[in-house]
Every structure is written in structure tokens, then in C-alpha cells.
Amino acid sequence: MRRIGAIFIAVCMMLIAASIGAVLYLGFKIDASTSAIMALAALTAMALFNSISNRLRDRADLGDQIGDLSRGTADLARQVAEISAIQRKILNIARSDI
């Protein structure tokens, strides 16, 4: 699903950039090469913005995942300590019965 969203965003950015170029060429009567350069600059700016915002979001998600992993590791260590204590008690009971 994430890949479909990325494709949709890329297509929309291309349509927006093409629209900007068309408006500059047809509406403001700027020559074709300048309109194309401006459309390409707009596409580049949108792609850069999208890339940076995705990186920031991924960084926040990664921080949450690291926090969850840390809590899971601490919980696992606590459970291992409890099992070790129970095992010691069982061994002491077994030794005292022999």
C-alpha cells in the first residue's frame, strides 16, 4: 500500500509541474524553454520536499520502534530473572529432598 501511495504522489507532482509549465507558457506567454525549466524546478522542489518529509517521518517511526524494542528487551530480562529465581527454588527443593 505504501508503494501505491508513493506512485500516486509522484504522478500528482508531475501533473502539478506540467500544469505550472503550461500556465506559464499559455497564460503568461513565457517562452517554452523557460516554462519547461520552471516546471522542472517546481518538480524538483516538490520531490525534495517530499523526500525530506518522508525521512523525518521515518526517523520518528524509527525512534518509536527503538523505544518499543528497549521496553521489550527490559521485559524479557525481567522474565528471565523470574524464571531463574524459580529454577533456583526448584533446585533447592530437589536437593533438600535427596
PDB file of N, CA and C in Angstrom:
ATOM      1  N   MET A   1       0.819  -1.189   0.000  1.00  0.00           N
ATOM      2  CA  MET A   1       0.000   0.000   0.000  1.00  0.00           C
ATOM      3  C   MET A   1       0.867   1.260   0.000  1.00  0.00           C
ATOM      4  N   ARG A   2       2.003   1.167   0.641  1.00  0.00           N
ATOM      5  CA  ARG A   2       2.887   2.321   0.717  1.00  0.00           C
ATOM      6  C   ARG A   2       3.440   2.674  -0.663  1.00  0.00           C
ATOM      7  N   ARG A   3       3.713   1.653  -1.465  1.00  0.00           N
ATOM      8  CA  ARG A   3       4.266   1.888  -2.795  1.00  0.00           C
ATOM      9  C   ARG A   3       3.227   2.548  -3.707  1.00  0.00           C
ATOM     10  N   ILE A   4       1.961   2.147  -3.583  1.00  0.00           N
ATOM     11  CA  ILE A   4       0.901   2.753  -4.386  1.00  0.00           C
ATOM     12  C   ILE A   4       0.770   4.233  -4.033  1.00  0.00           C
ATOM     13  N   GLY A   5       0.871   4.541  -2.748  1.00  0.00           N
ATOM     14  CA  GLY A   5       0.814   5.933  -2.309  1.00  0.00           C
ATOM     15  C   GLY A   5       1.960   6.751  -2.869  1.00  0.00           C
ATOM     16  N   ALA A   6       3.141   6.166  -2.897  1.00  0.00           N
ATOM     17  CA  ALA A   6       4.303   6.878  -3.438  1.00  0.00           C
ATOM     18  C   ALA A   6       4.145   7.126  -4.939  1.00  0.00           C
ATOM     19  N   ILE A   7       3.604   6.142  -5.646  1.00  0.00           N
ATOM     20  CA  ILE A   7       3.380   6.313  -7.087  1.00  0.00           C
ATOM     21  C   ILE A   7       2.338   7.405  -7.328  1.00  0.00           C
ATOM     22  N   PHE A   8       1.274   7.396  -6.535  1.00  0.00           N
ATOM     23  CA  PHE A   8       0.234   8.417  -6.671  1.00  0.00           C
ATOM     24  C   PHE A   8       0.798   9.813  -6.422  1.00  0.00           C
ATOM     25  N   ILE A   9       1.620   9.954  -5.394  1.00  0.00           N
ATOM     26  CA  ILE A   9       2.224  11.256  -5.088  1.00  0.00           C
ATOM     27  C   ILE A   9       3.137  11.699  -6.225  1.00  0.00           C
ATOM     28  N   ALA A  10       3.926  10.774  -6.774  1.00  0.00           N
ATOM     29  CA  ALA A  10       4.824  11.128  -7.876  1.00  0.00           C
ATOM     30  C   ALA A  10       4.041  11.577  -9.105  1.00  0.00           C
ATOM     31  N   VAL A  11       2.962  10.874  -9.419  1.00  0.00           N
ATOM     32  CA  VAL A  11       2.143  11.252 -10.575  1.00  0.00           C
ATOM     33  C   VAL A  11       1.517  12.630 -10.353  1.00  0.00           C
ATOM     34  N   CYS A  12       1.019  12.870  -9.143  1.00  0.00           N
ATOM     35  CA  CYS A  12       0.426  14.177  -8.844  1.00  0.00           C
ATOM     36  C   CYS A  12       1.462  15.293  -8.942  1.00  0.00           C
ATOM     37  N   MET A  13       2.672  15.048  -8.456  1.00  0.00           N
ATOM     38  CA  MET A  13       3.723  16.069  -8.559  1.00  0.00           C
ATOM     39  C   MET A  13       4.051  16.365 -10.016  1.00  0.00           C
ATOM     40  N   MET A  14       4.076  15.319 -10.863  1.00  0.00           N
ATOM     41  CA  MET A  14       4.349  15.538 -12.280  1.00  0.00           C
ATOM     42  C   MET A  14       3.229  16.333 -12.939  1.00  0.00           C
ATOM     43  N   LEU A  15       1.983  16.036 -12.565  1.00  0.00           N
ATOM     44  CA  LEU A  15       0.858  16.792 -13.127  1.00  0.00           C
ATOM     45  C   LEU A  15       0.895  18.253 -12.689  1.00  0.00           C
ATOM     46  N   ILE A  16       1.231  18.493 -11.441  1.00  0.00           N
ATOM     47  CA  ILE A  16       1.315  19.869 -10.942  1.00  0.00           C
ATOM     48  C   ILE A  16       2.424  20.629 -11.670  1.00  0.00           C
ATOM     49  N   ALA A  17       3.580  19.987 -11.821  1.00  0.00           N
ATOM     50  CA  ALA A  17       4.693  20.646 -12.514  1.00  0.00           C
ATOM     51  C   ALA A  17       4.336  20.929 -13.973  1.00  0.00           C
ATOM     52  N   ALA A  18       3.686  19.964 -14.626  1.00  0.00           N
ATOM     53  CA  ALA A  18       3.275  20.179 -16.019  1.00  0.00           C
ATOM     54  C   ALA A  18       2.250  21.309 -16.103  1.00  0.00           C
ATOM     55  N   SER A  19       1.360  21.388 -15.144  1.00  0.00           N
ATOM     56  CA  SER A  19       0.361  22.469 -15.124  1.00  0.00           C
ATOM     57  C   SER A  19       1.024  23.826 -14.935  1.00  0.00           C
ATOM     58  N   ILE A  20       2.013  23.870 -14.068  1.00  0.00           N
ATOM     59  CA  ILE A  20       2.747  25.128 -13.863  1.00  0.00           C
ATOM     60  C   ILE A  20       3.417  25.561 -15.169  1.00  0.00           C
ATOM     61  N   GLY A  21       4.064  24.604 -15.841  1.00  0.00           N
ATOM     62  CA  GLY A  21       4.694  24.918 -17.125  1.00  0.00           C
ATOM     63  C   GLY A  21       3.696  25.378 -18.161  1.00  0.00           C
ATOM     64  N   ALA A  22       2.535  24.721 -18.209  1.00  0.00           N
ATOM     65  CA  ALA A  22       1.514  25.094 -19.190  1.00  0.00           C
ATOM     66  C   ALA A  22       0.945  26.480 -18.895  1.00  0.00           C
ATOM     67  N   VAL A  23       0.710  26.788 -17.623  1.00  0.00           N
ATOM     68  CA  VAL A  23       0.187  28.105 -17.266  1.00  0.00           C
ATOM     69  C   VAL A  23       1.201  29.192 -17.608  1.00  0.00           C
ATOM     70  N   LEU A  24       2.470  28.922 -17.329  1.00  0.00           N
ATOM     71  CA  LEU A  24       3.498  29.913 -17.670  1.00  0.00           C
ATOM     72  C   LEU A  24       3.578  30.134 -19.175  1.00  0.00           C
ATOM     73  N   TYR A  25       3.503  29.044 -19.937  1.00  0.00           N
ATOM     74  CA  TYR A  25       3.633  29.150 -21.395  1.00  0.00           C
ATOM     75  C   TYR A  25       2.389  29.751 -22.032  1.00  0.00           C
ATOM     76  N   LEU A  26       1.222  29.228 -21.652  1.00  0.00           N
ATOM     77  CA  LEU A  26      -0.016  29.673 -22.303  1.00  0.00           C
ATOM     78  C   LEU A  26      -0.612  30.920 -21.668  1.00  0.00           C
ATOM     79  N   GLY A  27      -0.535  31.014 -20.351  1.00  0.00           N
ATOM     80  CA  GLY A  27      -1.176  32.124 -19.660  1.00  0.00           C
ATOM     81  C   GLY A  27      -0.325  33.366 -19.611  1.00  0.00           C
ATOM     82  N   PHE A  28       0.938  33.211 -19.271  1.00  0.00           N
ATOM     83  CA  PHE A  28       1.819  34.364 -19.118  1.00  0.00           C
ATOM     84  C   PHE A  28       2.694  34.618 -20.337  1.00  0.00           C
ATOM     85  N   LYS A  29       2.535  33.798 -21.377  1.00  0.00           N
ATOM     86  CA  LYS A  29       3.250  33.951 -22.664  1.00  0.00           C
ATOM     87  C   LYS A  29       4.777  33.969 -22.496  1.00  0.00           C
ATOM     88  N   ILE A  30       5.263  33.131 -21.567  1.00  0.00           N
ATOM     89  CA  ILE A  30       6.713  32.962 -21.402  1.00  0.00           C
ATOM     90  C   ILE A  30       7.158  31.907 -22.412  1.00  0.00           C
ATOM     91  N   ASP A  31       8.370  32.059 -22.963  1.00  0.00           N
ATOM     92  CA  ASP A  31       8.815  31.110 -23.988  1.00  0.00           C
ATOM     93  C   ASP A  31       8.880  29.683 -23.424  1.00  0.00           C
ATOM     94  N   ALA A  32       8.837  28.706 -24.328  1.00  0.00           N
ATOM     95  CA  ALA A  32       8.690  27.296 -23.958  1.00  0.00           C
ATOM     96  C   ALA A  32       9.849  26.784 -23.115  1.00  0.00           C
ATOM     97  N   SER A  33      11.071  27.175 -23.449  1.00  0.00           N
ATOM     98  CA  SER A  33      12.218  26.658 -22.695  1.00  0.00           C
ATOM     99  C   SER A  33      12.215  27.173 -21.256  1.00  0.00           C
ATOM    100  N   THR A  34      11.870  28.429 -21.069  1.00  0.00           N
ATOM    101  CA  THR A  34      11.807  28.982 -19.717  1.00  0.00           C
ATOM    102  C   THR A  34      10.675  28.330 -18.922  1.00  0.00           C
ATOM    103  N   SER A  35       9.544  28.096 -19.572  1.00  0.00           N
ATOM    104  CA  SER A  35       8.419  27.433 -18.907  1.00  0.00           C
ATOM    105  C   SER A  35       8.795  26.015 -18.493  1.00  0.00           C
ATOM    106  N   ALA A  36       9.506  25.316 -19.369  1.00  0.00           N
ATOM    107  CA  ALA A  36       9.936  23.950 -19.059  1.00  0.00           C
ATOM    108  C   ALA A  36      10.933  23.940 -17.904  1.00  0.00           C
ATOM    109  N   ILE A  37      11.835  24.902 -17.888  1.00  0.00           N
ATOM    110  CA  ILE A  37      12.805  24.989 -16.791  1.00  0.00           C
ATOM    111  C   ILE A  37      12.103  25.283 -15.469  1.00  0.00           C
ATOM    112  N   MET A  38      11.122  26.173 -15.511  1.00  0.00           N
ATOM    113  CA  MET A  38      10.377  26.493 -14.286  1.00  0.00           C
ATOM    114  C   MET A  38       9.560  25.283 -13.810  1.00  0.00           C
ATOM    115  N   ALA A  39       8.983  24.538 -14.750  1.00  0.00           N
ATOM    116  CA  ALA A  39       8.226  23.340 -14.384  1.00  0.00           C
ATOM    117  C   ALA A  39       9.150  22.295 -13.776  1.00  0.00           C
ATOM    118  N   LEU A  40      10.331  22.149 -14.360  1.00  0.00           N
ATOM    119  CA  LEU A  40      11.310  21.201 -13.819  1.00  0.00           C
ATOM    120  C   LEU A  40      11.793  21.645 -12.441  1.00  0.00           C
ATOM    121  N   ALA A  41      11.971  22.922 -12.239  1.00  0.00           N
ATOM    122  CA  ALA A  41      12.372  23.445 -10.929  1.00  0.00           C
ATOM    123  C   ALA A  41      11.266  23.190  -9.900  1.00  0.00           C
ATOM    124  N   ALA A  42      10.026  23.375 -10.297  1.00  0.00           N
ATOM    125  CA  ALA A  42       8.907  23.104  -9.379  1.00  0.00           C
ATOM    126  C   ALA A  42       8.849  21.628  -9.032  1.00  0.00           C
ATOM    127  N   LEU A  43       9.041  20.750 -10.039  1.00  0.00           N
ATOM    128  CA  LEU A  43       9.051  19.311  -9.786  1.00  0.00           C
ATOM    129  C   LEU A  43      10.186  18.926  -8.851  1.00  0.00           C
ATOM    130  N   THR A  44      11.350  19.504  -9.063  1.00  0.00           N
ATOM    131  CA  THR A  44      12.496  19.225  -8.206  1.00  0.00           C
ATOM    132  C   THR A  44      12.231  19.686  -6.769  1.00  0.00           C
ATOM    133  N   ALA A  45      11.652  20.857  -6.614  1.00  0.00           N
ATOM    134  CA  ALA A  45      11.345  21.368  -5.272  1.00  0.00           C
ATOM    135  C   ALA A  45      10.329  20.469  -4.567  1.00  0.00           C
ATOM    136  N   MET A  46       9.291  20.042  -5.291  1.00  0.00           N
ATOM    137  CA  MET A  46       8.289  19.162  -4.675  1.00  0.00           C
ATOM    138  C   MET A  46       8.888  17.806  -4.308  1.00  0.00           C
ATOM    139  N   ALA A  47       9.747  17.266  -5.172  1.00  0.00           N
ATOM    140  CA  ALA A  47      10.378  15.979  -4.890  1.00  0.00           C
ATOM    141  C   ALA A  47      11.310  16.083  -3.677  1.00  0.00           C
ATOM    142  N   LEU A  48      12.036  17.173  -3.589  1.00  0.00           N
ATOM    143  CA  LEU A  48      12.930  17.389  -2.452  1.00  0.00           C
ATOM    144  C   LEU A  48      12.139  17.517  -1.155  1.00  0.00           C
ATOM    145  N   PHE A  49      11.044  18.280  -1.197  1.00  0.00           N
ATOM    146  CA  PHE A  49      10.195  18.440  -0.023  1.00  0.00           C
ATOM    147  C   PHE A  49       9.610  17.098   0.409  1.00  0.00           C
ATOM    148  N   ASN A  50       9.134  16.310  -0.559  1.00  0.00           N
ATOM    149  CA  ASN A  50       8.556  15.003  -0.259  1.00  0.00           C
ATOM    150  C   ASN A  50       9.602  14.074   0.346  1.00  0.00           C
ATOM    151  N   SER A  51      10.788  14.090  -0.207  1.00  0.00           N
ATOM    152  CA  SER A  51      11.860  13.236   0.297  1.00  0.00           C
ATOM    153  C   SER A  51      12.234  13.596   1.735  1.00  0.00           C
ATOM    154  N   ILE A  52      12.377  14.881   2.001  1.00  0.00           N
ATOM    155  CA  ILE A  52      12.751  15.315   3.348  1.00  0.00           C
ATOM    156  C   ILE A  52      11.651  15.002   4.344  1.00  0.00           C
ATOM    157  N   SER A  53      10.395  15.241   3.967  1.00  0.00           N
ATOM    158  CA  SER A  53       9.300  14.959   4.902  1.00  0.00           C
ATOM    159  C   SER A  53       9.182  13.456   5.170  1.00  0.00           C
ATOM    160  N   ASN A  54       9.432  12.623   4.160  1.00  0.00           N
ATOM    161  CA  ASN A  54       9.419  11.170   4.379  1.00  0.00           C
ATOM    162  C   ASN A  54      10.544  10.742   5.306  1.00  0.00           C
ATOM    163  N   ARG A  55      11.718  11.331   5.158  1.00  0.00           N
ATOM    164  CA  ARG A  55      12.844  10.996   6.035  1.00  0.00           C
ATOM    165  C   ARG A  55      12.551  11.375   7.475  1.00  0.00           C
ATOM    166  N   LEU A  56      11.972  12.545   7.672  1.00  0.00           N
ATOM    167  CA  LEU A  56      11.647  12.975   9.034  1.00  0.00           C
ATOM    168  C   LEU A  56      10.598  12.069   9.659  1.00  0.00           C
ATOM    169  N   ARG A  57       9.595  11.679   8.872  1.00  0.00           N
ATOM    170  CA  ARG A  57       8.565  10.776   9.386  1.00  0.00           C
ATOM    171  C   ARG A  57       9.167   9.401   9.714  1.00  0.00           C
ATOM    172  N   ASP A  58      10.038   8.908   8.828  1.00  0.00           N
ATOM    173  CA  ASP A  58      10.670   7.614   9.076  1.00  0.00           C
ATOM    174  C   ASP A  58      11.558   7.661  10.308  1.00  0.00           C
ATOM    175  N   ARG A  59      12.218   8.786  10.518  1.00  0.00           N
ATOM    176  CA  ARG A  59      13.074   8.927  11.695  1.00  0.00           C
ATOM    177  C   ARG A  59      12.249   8.878  12.973  1.00  0.00           C
ATOM    178  N   ALA A  60      11.092   9.512  12.960  1.00  0.00           N
ATOM    179  CA  ALA A  60      10.204   9.479  14.123  1.00  0.00           C
ATOM    180  C   ALA A  60       9.682   8.061  14.346  1.00  0.00           C
ATOM    181  N   ASP A  61       9.311   7.375  13.262  1.00  0.00           N
ATOM    182  CA  ASP A  61       8.850   5.993  13.388  1.00  0.00           C
ATOM    183  C   ASP A  61       9.949   5.099  13.919  1.00  0.00           C
ATOM    184  N   LEU A  62      11.178   5.332  13.471  1.00  0.00           N
ATOM    185  CA  LEU A  62      12.305   4.531  13.938  1.00  0.00           C
ATOM    186  C   LEU A  62      12.549   4.747  15.423  1.00  0.00           C
ATOM    187  N   GLY A  63      12.418   5.981  15.884  1.00  0.00           N
ATOM    188  CA  GLY A  63      12.573   6.262  17.313  1.00  0.00           C
ATOM    189  C   GLY A  63      11.534   5.523  18.140  1.00  0.00           C
ATOM    190  N   ASP A  64      10.297   5.481  17.651  1.00  0.00           N
ATOM    191  CA  ASP A  64       9.244   4.743  18.345  1.00  0.00           C
ATOM    192  C   ASP A  64       9.552   3.249  18.371  1.00  0.00           C
ATOM    193  N   GLN A  65      10.052   2.731  17.259  1.00  0.00           N
ATOM    194  CA  GLN A  65      10.382   1.305  17.202  1.00  0.00           C
ATOM    195  C   GLN A  65      11.533   0.969  18.147  1.00  0.00           C
ATOM    196  N   ILE A  66      12.521   1.845  18.248  1.00  0.00           N
ATOM    197  CA  ILE A  66      13.637   1.606  19.164  1.00  0.00           C
ATOM    198  C   ILE A  66      13.145   1.628  20.602  1.00  0.00           C
ATOM    199  N   GLY A  67      12.236   2.540  20.924  1.00  0.00           N
ATOM    200  CA  GLY A  67      11.665   2.587  22.267  1.00  0.00           C
ATOM    201  C   GLY A  67      10.893   1.318  22.594  1.00  0.00           C
ATOM    202  N   ASP A  68      10.101   0.843  21.639  1.00  0.00           N
ATOM    203  CA  ASP A  68       9.352  -0.402  21.846  1.00  0.00           C
ATOM    204  C   ASP A  68      10.300  -1.581  22.037  1.00  0.00           C
ATOM    205  N   LEU A  69      11.360  -1.614  21.257  1.00  0.00           N
ATOM    206  CA  LEU A  69      12.347  -2.691  21.378  1.00  0.00           C
ATOM    207  C   LEU A  69      13.048  -2.641  22.723  1.00  0.00           C
ATOM    208  N   SER A  70      13.362  -1.464  23.217  1.00  0.00           N
ATOM    209  CA  SER A  70      14.006  -1.325  24.518  1.00  0.00           C
ATOM    210  C   SER A  70      13.086  -1.825  25.634  1.00  0.00           C
ATOM    211  N   ARG A  71      11.820  -1.462  25.551  1.00  0.00           N
ATOM    212  CA  ARG A  71      10.865  -1.933  26.566  1.00  0.00           C
ATOM    213  C   ARG A  71      10.715  -3.447  26.498  1.00  0.00           C
ATOM    214  N   GLY A  72      10.676  -3.992  25.276  1.00  0.00           N
ATOM    215  CA  GLY A  72      10.573  -5.446  25.115  1.00  0.00           C
ATOM    216  C   GLY A  72      11.784  -6.158  25.673  1.00  0.00           C
ATOM    217  N   THR A  73      12.964  -5.604  25.462  1.00  0.00           N
ATOM    218  CA  THR A  73      14.194  -6.211  25.980  1.00  0.00           C
ATOM    219  C   THR A  73      14.205  -6.177  27.502  1.00  0.00           C
ATOM    220  N   ALA A  74      13.783  -5.073  28.084  1.00  0.00           N
ATOM    221  CA  ALA A  74      13.728  -4.974  29.544  1.00  0.00           C
ATOM    222  C   ALA A  74      12.720  -5.969  30.111  1.00  0.00           C
ATOM    223  N   ASP A  75      11.582  -6.116  29.461  1.00  0.00           N
ATOM    224  CA  ASP A  75      10.576  -7.081  29.915  1.00  0.00           C
ATOM    225  C   ASP A  75      11.111  -8.505  29.810  1.00  0.00           C
ATOM    226  N   LEU A  76      11.811  -8.808  28.732  1.00  0.00           N
ATOM    227  CA  LEU A  76      12.406 -10.136  28.566  1.00  0.00           C
ATOM    228  C   LEU A  76      13.444 -10.411  29.642  1.00  0.00           C
ATOM    229  N   ALA A  77      14.263  -9.426  29.969  1.00  0.00           N
ATOM    230  CA  ALA A  77      15.264  -9.599  31.031  1.00  0.00           C
ATOM    231  C   ALA A  77      14.592  -9.858  32.374  1.00  0.00           C
ATOM    232  N   ARG A  78      13.497  -9.159  32.645  1.00  0.00           N
ATOM    233  CA  ARG A  78      12.756  -9.380  33.892  1.00  0.00           C
ATOM    234  C   ARG A  78      12.187 -10.788  33.943  1.00  0.00           C
ATOM    235  N   GLN A  79      11.631 -11.262  32.825  1.00  0.00           N
ATOM    236  CA  GLN A  79      11.066 -12.609  32.790  1.00  0.00           C
ATOM    237  C   GLN A  79      12.138 -13.675  32.961  1.00  0.00           C
ATOM    238  N   VAL A  80      13.302 -13.468  32.353  1.00  0.00           N
ATOM    239  CA  VAL A  80      14.412 -14.419  32.509  1.00  0.00           C
ATOM    240  C   VAL A  80      14.864 -14.455  33.963  1.00  0.00           C
ATOM    241  N   ALA A  81      14.920 -13.307  34.616  1.00  0.00           N
ATOM    242  CA  ALA A  81      15.311 -13.265  36.026  1.00  0.00           C
ATOM    243  C   ALA A  81      14.285 -14.002  36.884  1.00  0.00           C
ATOM    244  N   GLU A  82      13.005 -13.848  36.601  1.00  0.00           N
ATOM    245  CA  GLU A  82      11.969 -14.559  37.353  1.00  0.00           C
ATOM    246  C   GLU A  82      12.078 -16.058  37.149  1.00  0.00           C
ATOM    247  N   ILE A  83      12.307 -16.492  35.914  1.00  0.00           N
ATOM    248  CA  ILE A  83      12.446 -17.927  35.632  1.00  0.00           C
ATOM    249  C   ILE A  83      13.682 -18.483  36.328  1.00  0.00           C
ATOM    250  N   SER A  84      14.769 -17.710  36.343  1.00  0.00           N
ATOM    251  CA  SER A  84      15.986 -18.156  37.023  1.00  0.00           C
ATOM    252  C   SER A  84      15.744 -18.310  38.519  1.00  0.00           C
ATOM    253  N   ALA A  85      15.002 -17.393  39.111  1.00  0.00           N
ATOM    254  CA  ALA A  85      14.695 -17.478  40.541  1.00  0.00           C
ATOM    255  C   ALA A  85      13.837 -18.704  40.829  1.00  0.00           C
ATOM    256  N   ILE A  86      12.856 -18.961  39.978  1.00  0.00           N
ATOM    257  CA  ILE A  86      12.001 -20.148  40.155  1.00  0.00           C
ATOM    258  C   ILE A  86      12.832 -21.419  39.992  1.00  0.00           C
ATOM    259  N   GLN A  87      13.730 -21.425  39.042  1.00  0.00           N
ATOM    260  CA  GLN A  87      14.587 -22.596  38.816  1.00  0.00           C
ATOM    261  C   GLN A  87      15.477 -22.852  40.032  1.00  0.00           C
ATOM    262  N   ARG A  88      16.020 -21.781  40.618  1.00  0.00           N
ATOM    263  CA  ARG A  88      16.844 -21.950  41.826  1.00  0.00           C
ATOM    264  C   ARG A  88      16.031 -22.532  42.974  1.00  0.00           C
ATOM    265  N   LYS A  89      14.805 -22.056  43.140  1.00  0.00           N
ATOM    266  CA  LYS A  89      13.951 -22.586  44.199  1.00  0.00           C
ATOM    267  C   LYS A  89      13.658 -24.062  43.989  1.00  0.00           C
ATOM    268  N   ILE A  90      13.368 -24.438  42.741  1.00  0.00           N
ATOM    269  CA  ILE A  90      13.085 -25.843  42.439  1.00  0.00           C
ATOM    270  C   ILE A  90      14.316 -26.698  42.699  1.00  0.00           C
ATOM    271  N   LEU A  91      15.482 -26.227  42.297  1.00  0.00           N
ATOM    272  CA  LEU A  91      16.725 -26.985  42.537  1.00  0.00           C
ATOM    273  C   LEU A  91      16.994 -27.118  44.030  1.00  0.00           C
ATOM    274  N   ASN A  92      16.751 -26.047  44.809  1.00  0.00           N
ATOM    275  CA  ASN A  92      16.977 -26.140  46.244  1.00  0.00           C
ATOM    276  C   ASN A  92      16.016 -27.133  46.879  1.00  0.00           C
ATOM    277  N   ILE A  93      14.753 -27.160  46.420  1.00  0.00           N
ATOM    278  CA  ILE A  93      13.786 -28.122  46.943  1.00  0.00           C
ATOM    279  C   ILE A  93      14.209 -29.547  46.563  1.00  0.00           C
ATOM    280  N   ALA A  94      14.652 -29.733  45.324  1.00  0.00           N
ATOM    281  CA  ALA A  94      15.068 -31.064  44.874  1.00  0.00           C
ATOM    282  C   ALA A  94      16.285 -31.528  45.627  1.00  0.00           C
ATOM    283  N   ARG A  95      17.227 -30.646  45.936  1.00  0.00           N
ATOM    284  CA  ARG A  95      18.432 -31.024  46.674  1.00  0.00           C
ATOM    285  C   ARG A  95      18.115 -31.371  48.131  1.00  0.00           C
ATOM    286  N   SER A  96      17.169 -30.663  48.692  1.00  0.00           N
ATOM    287  CA  SER A  96      16.827 -30.924  50.085  1.00  0.00           C
ATOM    288  C   SER A  96      16.063 -32.241  50.233  1.00  0.00           C
ATOM    289  N   ASP A  97      15.358 -32.674  49.154  1.00  0.00           N
ATOM    290  CA  ASP A  97      14.626 -33.936  49.201  1.00  0.00           C
ATOM    291  C   ASP A  97      15.545 -35.137  49.019  1.00  0.00           C
ATOM    292  N   ILE A  98      16.703 -34.956  48.454  1.00  0.00           N
ATOM    293  CA  ILE A  98      17.604 -36.083  48.181  1.00  0.00           C
ATOM    294  C   ILE A  98      18.358 -36.496  49.384  1.00  0.00           C
TER     295      ILE A  98
END
